[in-house]
Amino acid sequence: FLGRSDPPRISCTAPTLGSMAMNR
């Protein structure tokens, strides 16, 4: 998220099937 210049840069990563399996 780059968006407007005033908020900080924020990133998010959606969990993959592999990471979901490792969570289990």
mmCIF file of all heavy atoms, coordinates in Angstrom:
data_MODEL
# 
_entry.id   MODEL 
# 
loop_
_atom_site.group_PDB 
_atom_site.id 
_atom_site.type_symbol 
_atom_site.label_atom_id 
_atom_site.label_alt_id 
_atom_site.label_comp_id 
_atom_site.label_asym_id 
_atom_site.label_entity_id 
_atom_site.label_seq_id 
_atom_site.pdbx_PDB_ins_code 
_atom_site.Cartn_x 
_atom_site.Cartn_y 
_atom_site.Cartn_z 
_atom_site.occupancy 
_atom_site.B_iso_or_equiv 
_atom_site.pdbx_formal_charge 
_atom_site.auth_seq_id 
_atom_site.auth_comp_id 
_atom_site.auth_asym_id 
_atom_site.auth_atom_id 
_atom_site.pdbx_PDB_model_num 
ATOM 1   N N   . PHE A 1 1  ? 0.844  -1.180  0.000  1.00 0.00 ? 1  PHE A N   1 
ATOM 2   C CA  . PHE A 1 1  ? 0.000  0.000   0.000  1.00 0.00 ? 1  PHE A CA  1 
ATOM 3   C C   . PHE A 1 1  ? 0.886  1.239   0.000  1.00 0.00 ? 1  PHE A C   1 
ATOM 4   O O   . PHE A 1 1  ? 1.535  1.531   0.980  1.00 0.00 ? 1  PHE A O   1 
ATOM 5   C CB  . PHE A 1 1  ? -0.916 0.000   1.235  1.00 0.00 ? 1  PHE A CB  1 
ATOM 6   C CG  . PHE A 1 1  ? -1.598 -1.317  1.420  1.00 0.00 ? 1  PHE A CG  1 
ATOM 7   C CD1 . PHE A 1 1  ? -1.205 -2.153  2.432  1.00 0.00 ? 1  PHE A CD1 1 
ATOM 8   C CD2 . PHE A 1 1  ? -2.569 -1.727  0.546  1.00 0.00 ? 1  PHE A CD2 1 
ATOM 9   C CE1 . PHE A 1 1  ? -1.813 -3.384  2.595  1.00 0.00 ? 1  PHE A CE1 1 
ATOM 10  C CE2 . PHE A 1 1  ? -3.175 -2.944  0.707  1.00 0.00 ? 1  PHE A CE2 1 
ATOM 11  C CZ  . PHE A 1 1  ? -2.796 -3.774  1.733  1.00 0.00 ? 1  PHE A CZ  1 
ATOM 12  N N   . LEU A 1 2  ? 0.892  1.927   -1.105 1.00 0.00 ? 2  LEU A N   1 
ATOM 13  C CA  . LEU A 1 2  ? 1.639  3.169   -1.187 1.00 0.00 ? 2  LEU A CA  1 
ATOM 14  C C   . LEU A 1 2  ? 0.701  4.348   -0.893 1.00 0.00 ? 2  LEU A C   1 
ATOM 15  O O   . LEU A 1 2  ? 1.018  5.223   -0.120 1.00 0.00 ? 2  LEU A O   1 
ATOM 16  C CB  . LEU A 1 2  ? 2.280  3.295   -2.561 1.00 0.00 ? 2  LEU A CB  1 
ATOM 17  C CG  . LEU A 1 2  ? 3.269  2.164   -2.880 1.00 0.00 ? 2  LEU A CG  1 
ATOM 18  C CD1 . LEU A 1 2  ? 3.800  2.344   -4.288 1.00 0.00 ? 2  LEU A CD1 1 
ATOM 19  C CD2 . LEU A 1 2  ? 4.401  2.134   -1.894 1.00 0.00 ? 2  LEU A CD2 1 
ATOM 20  N N   . GLY A 1 3  ? -0.489 4.330   -1.525 1.00 0.00 ? 3  GLY A N   1 
ATOM 21  C CA  . GLY A 1 3  ? -1.537 5.292   -1.188 1.00 0.00 ? 3  GLY A CA  1 
ATOM 22  C C   . GLY A 1 3  ? -1.051 6.716   -1.125 1.00 0.00 ? 3  GLY A C   1 
ATOM 23  O O   . GLY A 1 3  ? -0.209 7.154   -1.898 1.00 0.00 ? 3  GLY A O   1 
ATOM 24  N N   . ARG A 1 4  ? -1.593 7.443   -0.155 1.00 0.00 ? 4  ARG A N   1 
ATOM 25  C CA  . ARG A 1 4  ? -1.205 8.833   0.008  1.00 0.00 ? 4  ARG A CA  1 
ATOM 26  C C   . ARG A 1 4  ? 0.162  8.920   0.653  1.00 0.00 ? 4  ARG A C   1 
ATOM 27  O O   . ARG A 1 4  ? 0.660  7.970   1.240  1.00 0.00 ? 4  ARG A O   1 
ATOM 28  C CB  . ARG A 1 4  ? -2.258 9.550   0.863  1.00 0.00 ? 4  ARG A CB  1 
ATOM 29  C CG  . ARG A 1 4  ? -3.614 9.616   0.176  1.00 0.00 ? 4  ARG A CG  1 
ATOM 30  C CD  . ARG A 1 4  ? -4.638 10.269  1.055  1.00 0.00 ? 4  ARG A CD  1 
ATOM 31  N NE  . ARG A 1 4  ? -4.851 9.510   2.290  1.00 0.00 ? 4  ARG A NE  1 
ATOM 32  C CZ  . ARG A 1 4  ? -5.788 9.822   3.182  1.00 0.00 ? 4  ARG A CZ  1 
ATOM 33  N NH1 . ARG A 1 4  ? -6.571 10.867  2.972  1.00 0.00 ? 4  ARG A NH1 1 
ATOM 34  N NH2 . ARG A 1 4  ? -5.930 9.107   4.262  1.00 0.00 ? 4  ARG A NH2 1 
ATOM 35  N N   . SER A 1 5  ? 0.746  10.097  0.612  1.00 0.00 ? 5  SER A N   1 
ATOM 36  C CA  . SER A 1 5  ? 2.114  10.239  1.085  1.00 0.00 ? 5  SER A CA  1 
ATOM 37  C C   . SER A 1 5  ? 2.216  10.314  2.599  1.00 0.00 ? 5  SER A C   1 
ATOM 38  O O   . SER A 1 5  ? 3.264  10.047  3.166  1.00 0.00 ? 5  SER A O   1 
ATOM 39  C CB  . SER A 1 5  ? 2.733  11.512  0.484  1.00 0.00 ? 5  SER A CB  1 
ATOM 40  O OG  . SER A 1 5  ? 1.967  12.651  0.868  1.00 0.00 ? 5  SER A OG  1 
ATOM 41  N N   . ASP A 1 6  ? 1.098  10.667  3.290  1.00 0.00 ? 6  ASP A N   1 
ATOM 42  C CA  . ASP A 1 6  ? 1.214  10.847  4.737  1.00 0.00 ? 6  ASP A CA  1 
ATOM 43  C C   . ASP A 1 6  ? 1.240  9.556   5.530  1.00 0.00 ? 6  ASP A C   1 
ATOM 44  O O   . ASP A 1 6  ? 1.991  9.446   6.496  1.00 0.00 ? 6  ASP A O   1 
ATOM 45  C CB  . ASP A 1 6  ? 0.099  11.773  5.251  1.00 0.00 ? 6  ASP A CB  1 
ATOM 46  C CG  . ASP A 1 6  ? -1.277 11.386  4.753  1.00 0.00 ? 6  ASP A CG  1 
ATOM 47  O OD1 . ASP A 1 6  ? -1.345 10.718  3.698  1.00 0.00 ? 6  ASP A OD1 1 
ATOM 48  O OD2 . ASP A 1 6  ? -2.251 11.748  5.405  1.00 0.00 ? 6  ASP A OD2 1 
ATOM 49  N N   . PRO A 1 7  ? 0.424  8.496   5.206  1.00 0.00 ? 7  PRO A N   1 
ATOM 50  C CA  . PRO A 1 7  ? 0.524  7.274   6.014  1.00 0.00 ? 7  PRO A CA  1 
ATOM 51  C C   . PRO A 1 7  ? 1.805  6.509   5.688  1.00 0.00 ? 7  PRO A C   1 
ATOM 52  O O   . PRO A 1 7  ? 2.361  6.642   4.596  1.00 0.00 ? 7  PRO A O   1 
ATOM 53  C CB  . PRO A 1 7  ? -0.721 6.473   5.604  1.00 0.00 ? 7  PRO A CB  1 
ATOM 54  C CG  . PRO A 1 7  ? -1.587 7.424   4.849  1.00 0.00 ? 7  PRO A CG  1 
ATOM 55  C CD  . PRO A 1 7  ? -0.652 8.391   4.225  1.00 0.00 ? 7  PRO A CD  1 
ATOM 56  N N   . PRO A 1 8  ? 2.288  5.700   6.613  1.00 0.00 ? 8  PRO A N   1 
ATOM 57  C CA  . PRO A 1 8  ? 3.494  4.901   6.342  1.00 0.00 ? 8  PRO A CA  1 
ATOM 58  C C   . PRO A 1 8  ? 3.187  3.804   5.354  1.00 0.00 ? 8  PRO A C   1 
ATOM 59  O O   . PRO A 1 8  ? 2.047  3.411   5.172  1.00 0.00 ? 8  PRO A O   1 
ATOM 60  C CB  . PRO A 1 8  ? 3.848  4.327   7.722  1.00 0.00 ? 8  PRO A CB  1 
ATOM 61  C CG  . PRO A 1 8  ? 2.537  4.256   8.434  1.00 0.00 ? 8  PRO A CG  1 
ATOM 62  C CD  . PRO A 1 8  ? 1.764  5.459   7.967  1.00 0.00 ? 8  PRO A CD  1 
ATOM 63  N N   . ARG A 1 9  ? 4.235  3.306   4.723  1.00 0.00 ? 9  ARG A N   1 
ATOM 64  C CA  . ARG A 1 9  ? 4.099  2.173   3.808  1.00 0.00 ? 9  ARG A CA  1 
ATOM 65  C C   . ARG A 1 9  ? 3.758  0.926   4.618  1.00 0.00 ? 9  ARG A C   1 
ATOM 66  O O   . ARG A 1 9  ? 4.430  0.598   5.589  1.00 0.00 ? 9  ARG A O   1 
ATOM 67  C CB  . ARG A 1 9  ? 5.408  1.973   3.046  1.00 0.00 ? 9  ARG A CB  1 
ATOM 68  C CG  . ARG A 1 9  ? 5.387  0.760   2.116  1.00 0.00 ? 9  ARG A CG  1 
ATOM 69  C CD  . ARG A 1 9  ? 6.754  0.617   1.469  1.00 0.00 ? 9  ARG A CD  1 
ATOM 70  N NE  . ARG A 1 9  ? 6.807  -0.600  0.674  1.00 0.00 ? 9  ARG A NE  1 
ATOM 71  C CZ  . ARG A 1 9  ? 7.155  -0.619  -0.599 1.00 0.00 ? 9  ARG A CZ  1 
ATOM 72  N NH1 . ARG A 1 9  ? 7.425  0.495   -1.227 1.00 0.00 ? 9  ARG A NH1 1 
ATOM 73  N NH2 . ARG A 1 9  ? 7.221  -1.759  -1.254 1.00 0.00 ? 9  ARG A NH2 1 
ATOM 74  N N   . ILE A 1 10 ? 2.718  0.232   4.186  1.00 0.00 ? 10 ILE A N   1 
ATOM 75  C CA  . ILE A 1 10 ? 2.256  -0.970  4.884  1.00 0.00 ? 10 ILE A CA  1 
ATOM 76  C C   . ILE A 1 10 ? 2.166  -2.083  3.873  1.00 0.00 ? 10 ILE A C   1 
ATOM 77  O O   . ILE A 1 10 ? 1.730  -1.868  2.744  1.00 0.00 ? 10 ILE A O   1 
ATOM 78  C CB  . ILE A 1 10 ? 0.885  -0.732  5.550  1.00 0.00 ? 10 ILE A CB  1 
ATOM 79  C CG1 . ILE A 1 10 ? 0.984  0.426   6.556  1.00 0.00 ? 10 ILE A CG1 1 
ATOM 80  C CG2 . ILE A 1 10 ? 0.377  -1.983  6.234  1.00 0.00 ? 10 ILE A CG2 1 
ATOM 81  C CD1 . ILE A 1 10 ? -0.346 0.794   7.179  1.00 0.00 ? 10 ILE A CD1 1 
ATOM 82  N N   . SER A 1 11 ? 2.571  -3.263  4.256  1.00 0.00 ? 11 SER A N   1 
ATOM 83  C CA  . SER A 1 11 ? 2.486  -4.404  3.344  1.00 0.00 ? 11 SER A CA  1 
ATOM 84  C C   . SER A 1 11 ? 1.827  -5.560  4.058  1.00 0.00 ? 11 SER A C   1 
ATOM 85  O O   . SER A 1 11 ? 1.889  -5.681  5.271  1.00 0.00 ? 11 SER A O   1 
ATOM 86  C CB  . SER A 1 11 ? 3.877  -4.832  2.843  1.00 0.00 ? 11 SER A CB  1 
ATOM 87  O OG  . SER A 1 11 ? 4.635  -5.315  3.910  1.00 0.00 ? 11 SER A OG  1 
ATOM 88  N N   . CYS A 1 12 ? 1.175  -6.411  3.283  1.00 0.00 ? 12 CYS A N   1 
ATOM 89  C CA  . CYS A 1 12 ? 0.594  -7.622  3.853  1.00 0.00 ? 12 CYS A CA  1 
ATOM 90  C C   . CYS A 1 12 ? 0.764  -8.748  2.862  1.00 0.00 ? 12 CYS A C   1 
ATOM 91  O O   . CYS A 1 12 ? 0.780  -8.533  1.660  1.00 0.00 ? 12 CYS A O   1 
ATOM 92  C CB  . CYS A 1 12 ? -0.873 -7.430  4.210  1.00 0.00 ? 12 CYS A CB  1 
ATOM 93  S SG  . CYS A 1 12 ? -1.948 -7.225  2.781  1.00 0.00 ? 12 CYS A SG  1 
ATOM 94  N N   . THR A 1 13 ? 0.907  -9.940  3.379  1.00 0.00 ? 13 THR A N   1 
ATOM 95  C CA  . THR A 1 13 ? 1.094  -11.127 2.556  1.00 0.00 ? 13 THR A CA  1 
ATOM 96  C C   . THR A 1 13 ? 0.011  -12.128 2.880  1.00 0.00 ? 13 THR A C   1 
ATOM 97  O O   . THR A 1 13 ? -0.139 -12.521 4.039  1.00 0.00 ? 13 THR A O   1 
ATOM 98  C CB  . THR A 1 13 ? 2.476  -11.765 2.812  1.00 0.00 ? 13 THR A CB  1 
ATOM 99  O OG1 . THR A 1 13 ? 3.478  -10.811 2.533  1.00 0.00 ? 13 THR A OG1 1 
ATOM 100 C CG2 . THR A 1 13 ? 2.668  -12.991 1.932  1.00 0.00 ? 13 THR A CG2 1 
ATOM 101 N N   . ALA A 1 14 ? -0.754 -12.528 1.886  1.00 0.00 ? 14 ALA A N   1 
ATOM 102 C CA  . ALA A 1 14 ? -1.799 -13.515 2.119  1.00 0.00 ? 14 ALA A CA  1 
ATOM 103 C C   . ALA A 1 14 ? -1.177 -14.874 2.368  1.00 0.00 ? 14 ALA A C   1 
ATOM 104 O O   . ALA A 1 14 ? -0.200 -15.239 1.716  1.00 0.00 ? 14 ALA A O   1 
ATOM 105 C CB  . ALA A 1 14 ? -2.725 -13.599 0.906  1.00 0.00 ? 14 ALA A CB  1 
ATOM 106 N N   . PRO A 1 15 ? -1.675 -15.639 3.318  1.00 0.00 ? 15 PRO A N   1 
ATOM 107 C CA  . PRO A 1 15 ? -1.106 -16.965 3.592  1.00 0.00 ? 15 PRO A CA  1 
ATOM 108 C C   . PRO A 1 15 ? -1.292 -17.893 2.411  1.00 0.00 ? 15 PRO A C   1 
ATOM 109 O O   . PRO A 1 15 ? -2.351 -17.945 1.803  1.00 0.00 ? 15 PRO A O   1 
ATOM 110 C CB  . PRO A 1 15 ? -1.900 -17.444 4.816  1.00 0.00 ? 15 PRO A CB  1 
ATOM 111 C CG  . PRO A 1 15 ? -3.172 -16.661 4.784  1.00 0.00 ? 15 PRO A CG  1 
ATOM 112 C CD  . PRO A 1 15 ? -2.819 -15.340 4.189  1.00 0.00 ? 15 PRO A CD  1 
ATOM 113 N N   . THR A 1 16 ? -0.263 -18.624 2.082  1.00 0.00 ? 16 THR A N   1 
ATOM 114 C CA  . THR A 1 16 ? -0.345 -19.606 1.004  1.00 0.00 ? 16 THR A CA  1 
ATOM 115 C C   . THR A 1 16 ? -0.817 -20.935 1.571  1.00 0.00 ? 16 THR A C   1 
ATOM 116 O O   . THR A 1 16 ? -0.855 -21.145 2.785  1.00 0.00 ? 16 THR A O   1 
ATOM 117 C CB  . THR A 1 16 ? 1.038  -19.805 0.360  1.00 0.00 ? 16 THR A CB  1 
ATOM 118 O OG1 . THR A 1 16 ? 1.925  -20.335 1.347  1.00 0.00 ? 16 THR A OG1 1 
ATOM 119 C CG2 . THR A 1 16 ? 1.588  -18.484 -0.162 1.00 0.00 ? 16 THR A CG2 1 
ATOM 120 N N   . LEU A 1 17 ? -1.172 -21.872 0.676  1.00 0.00 ? 17 LEU A N   1 
ATOM 121 C CA  . LEU A 1 17 ? -1.587 -23.193 1.130  1.00 0.00 ? 17 LEU A CA  1 
ATOM 122 C C   . LEU A 1 17 ? -0.463 -23.889 1.888  1.00 0.00 ? 17 LEU A C   1 
ATOM 123 O O   . LEU A 1 17 ? -0.701 -24.600 2.856  1.00 0.00 ? 17 LEU A O   1 
ATOM 124 C CB  . LEU A 1 17 ? -2.036 -24.035 -0.064 1.00 0.00 ? 17 LEU A CB  1 
ATOM 125 C CG  . LEU A 1 17 ? -3.308 -23.553 -0.767 1.00 0.00 ? 17 LEU A CG  1 
ATOM 126 C CD1 . LEU A 1 17 ? -3.593 -24.455 -1.966 1.00 0.00 ? 17 LEU A CD1 1 
ATOM 127 C CD2 . LEU A 1 17 ? -4.490 -23.554 0.189  1.00 0.00 ? 17 LEU A CD2 1 
ATOM 128 N N   . GLY A 1 18 ? 0.797  -23.644 1.427  1.00 0.00 ? 18 GLY A N   1 
ATOM 129 C CA  . GLY A 1 18 ? 1.924  -24.261 2.118  1.00 0.00 ? 18 GLY A CA  1 
ATOM 130 C C   . GLY A 1 18 ? 2.069  -23.757 3.540  1.00 0.00 ? 18 GLY A C   1 
ATOM 131 O O   . GLY A 1 18 ? 2.279  -24.530 4.482  1.00 0.00 ? 18 GLY A O   1 
ATOM 132 N N   . SER A 1 19 ? 1.940  -22.417 3.737  1.00 0.00 ? 19 SER A N   1 
ATOM 133 C CA  . SER A 1 19 ? 2.073  -21.877 5.079  1.00 0.00 ? 19 SER A CA  1 
ATOM 134 C C   . SER A 1 19 ? 0.908  -22.308 5.962  1.00 0.00 ? 19 SER A C   1 
ATOM 135 O O   . SER A 1 19 ? 1.069  -22.528 7.160  1.00 0.00 ? 19 SER A O   1 
ATOM 136 C CB  . SER A 1 19 ? 2.154  -20.351 5.028  1.00 0.00 ? 19 SER A CB  1 
ATOM 137 O OG  . SER A 1 19 ? 0.946  -19.794 4.550  1.00 0.00 ? 19 SER A OG  1 
ATOM 138 N N   . MET A 1 20 ? -0.303 -22.444 5.376  1.00 0.00 ? 20 MET A N   1 
ATOM 139 C CA  . MET A 1 20 ? -1.446 -22.922 6.145  1.00 0.00 ? 20 MET A CA  1 
ATOM 140 C C   . MET A 1 20 ? -1.220 -24.351 6.627  1.00 0.00 ? 20 MET A C   1 
ATOM 141 O O   . MET A 1 20 ? -1.560 -24.710 7.759  1.00 0.00 ? 20 MET A O   1 
ATOM 142 C CB  . MET A 1 20 ? -2.709 -22.824 5.302  1.00 0.00 ? 20 MET A CB  1 
ATOM 143 C CG  . MET A 1 20 ? -3.141 -21.397 5.001  1.00 0.00 ? 20 MET A CG  1 
ATOM 144 S SD  . MET A 1 20 ? -4.452 -21.323 3.782  1.00 0.00 ? 20 MET A SD  1 
ATOM 145 C CE  . MET A 1 20 ? -5.781 -22.130 4.663  1.00 0.00 ? 20 MET A CE  1 
ATOM 146 N N   . ALA A 1 21 ? -0.640 -25.187 5.759  1.00 0.00 ? 21 ALA A N   1 
ATOM 147 C CA  . ALA A 1 21 ? -0.341 -26.561 6.158  1.00 0.00 ? 21 ALA A CA  1 
ATOM 148 C C   . ALA A 1 21 ? 0.702  -26.580 7.266  1.00 0.00 ? 21 ALA A C   1 
ATOM 149 O O   . ALA A 1 21 ? 0.606  -27.372 8.213  1.00 0.00 ? 21 ALA A O   1 
ATOM 150 C CB  . ALA A 1 21 ? 0.147  -27.359 4.949  1.00 0.00 ? 21 ALA A CB  1 
ATOM 151 N N   . MET A 1 22 ? 1.711  -25.704 7.166  1.00 0.00 ? 22 MET A N   1 
ATOM 152 C CA  . MET A 1 22 ? 2.723  -25.653 8.209  1.00 0.00 ? 22 MET A CA  1 
ATOM 153 C C   . MET A 1 22 ? 2.122  -25.142 9.516  1.00 0.00 ? 22 MET A C   1 
ATOM 154 O O   . MET A 1 22 ? 2.547  -25.545 10.594 1.00 0.00 ? 22 MET A O   1 
ATOM 155 C CB  . MET A 1 22 ? 3.887  -24.761 7.764  1.00 0.00 ? 22 MET A CB  1 
ATOM 156 C CG  . MET A 1 22 ? 4.689  -25.331 6.609  1.00 0.00 ? 22 MET A CG  1 
ATOM 157 S SD  . MET A 1 22 ? 5.192  -27.048 6.879  1.00 0.00 ? 22 MET A SD  1 
ATOM 158 C CE  . MET A 1 22 ? 6.180  -26.888 8.358  1.00 0.00 ? 22 MET A CE  1 
ATOM 159 N N   . ASN A 1 23 ? 1.131  -24.229 9.449  1.00 0.00 ? 23 ASN A N   1 
ATOM 160 C CA  . ASN A 1 23 ? 0.442  -23.800 10.656 1.00 0.00 ? 23 ASN A CA  1 
ATOM 161 C C   . ASN A 1 23 ? -0.230 -24.982 11.346 1.00 0.00 ? 23 ASN A C   1 
ATOM 162 O O   . ASN A 1 23 ? -0.197 -25.106 12.568 1.00 0.00 ? 23 ASN A O   1 
ATOM 163 C CB  . ASN A 1 23 ? -0.609 -22.734 10.317 1.00 0.00 ? 23 ASN A CB  1 
ATOM 164 C CG  . ASN A 1 23 ? 0.029  -21.386 10.049 1.00 0.00 ? 23 ASN A CG  1 
ATOM 165 O OD1 . ASN A 1 23 ? 1.203  -21.186 10.318 1.00 0.00 ? 23 ASN A OD1 1 
ATOM 166 N ND2 . ASN A 1 23 ? -0.742 -20.468 9.508  1.00 0.00 ? 23 ASN A ND2 1 
ATOM 167 N N   . ARG A 1 24 ? -0.853 -25.843 10.559 1.00 0.00 ? 24 ARG A N   1 
ATOM 168 C CA  . ARG A 1 24 ? -1.487 -27.030 11.137 1.00 0.00 ? 24 ARG A CA  1 
ATOM 169 C C   . ARG A 1 24 ? -0.443 -27.943 11.762 1.00 0.00 ? 24 ARG A C   1 
ATOM 170 O O   . ARG A 1 24 ? -0.664 -28.508 12.844 1.00 0.00 ? 24 ARG A O   1 
ATOM 171 C CB  . ARG A 1 24 ? -2.276 -27.784 10.062 1.00 0.00 ? 24 ARG A CB  1 
ATOM 172 C CG  . ARG A 1 24 ? -3.550 -27.081 9.632  1.00 0.00 ? 24 ARG A CG  1 
ATOM 173 C CD  . ARG A 1 24 ? -4.458 -28.037 8.872  1.00 0.00 ? 24 ARG A CD  1 
ATOM 174 N NE  . ARG A 1 24 ? -3.805 -28.562 7.681  1.00 0.00 ? 24 ARG A NE  1 
ATOM 175 C CZ  . ARG A 1 24 ? -3.852 -27.978 6.496  1.00 0.00 ? 24 ARG A CZ  1 
ATOM 176 N NH1 . ARG A 1 24 ? -4.502 -26.831 6.341  1.00 0.00 ? 24 ARG A NH1 1 
ATOM 177 N NH2 . ARG A 1 24 ? -3.253 -28.525 5.448  1.00 0.00 ? 24 ARG A NH2 1 
# 
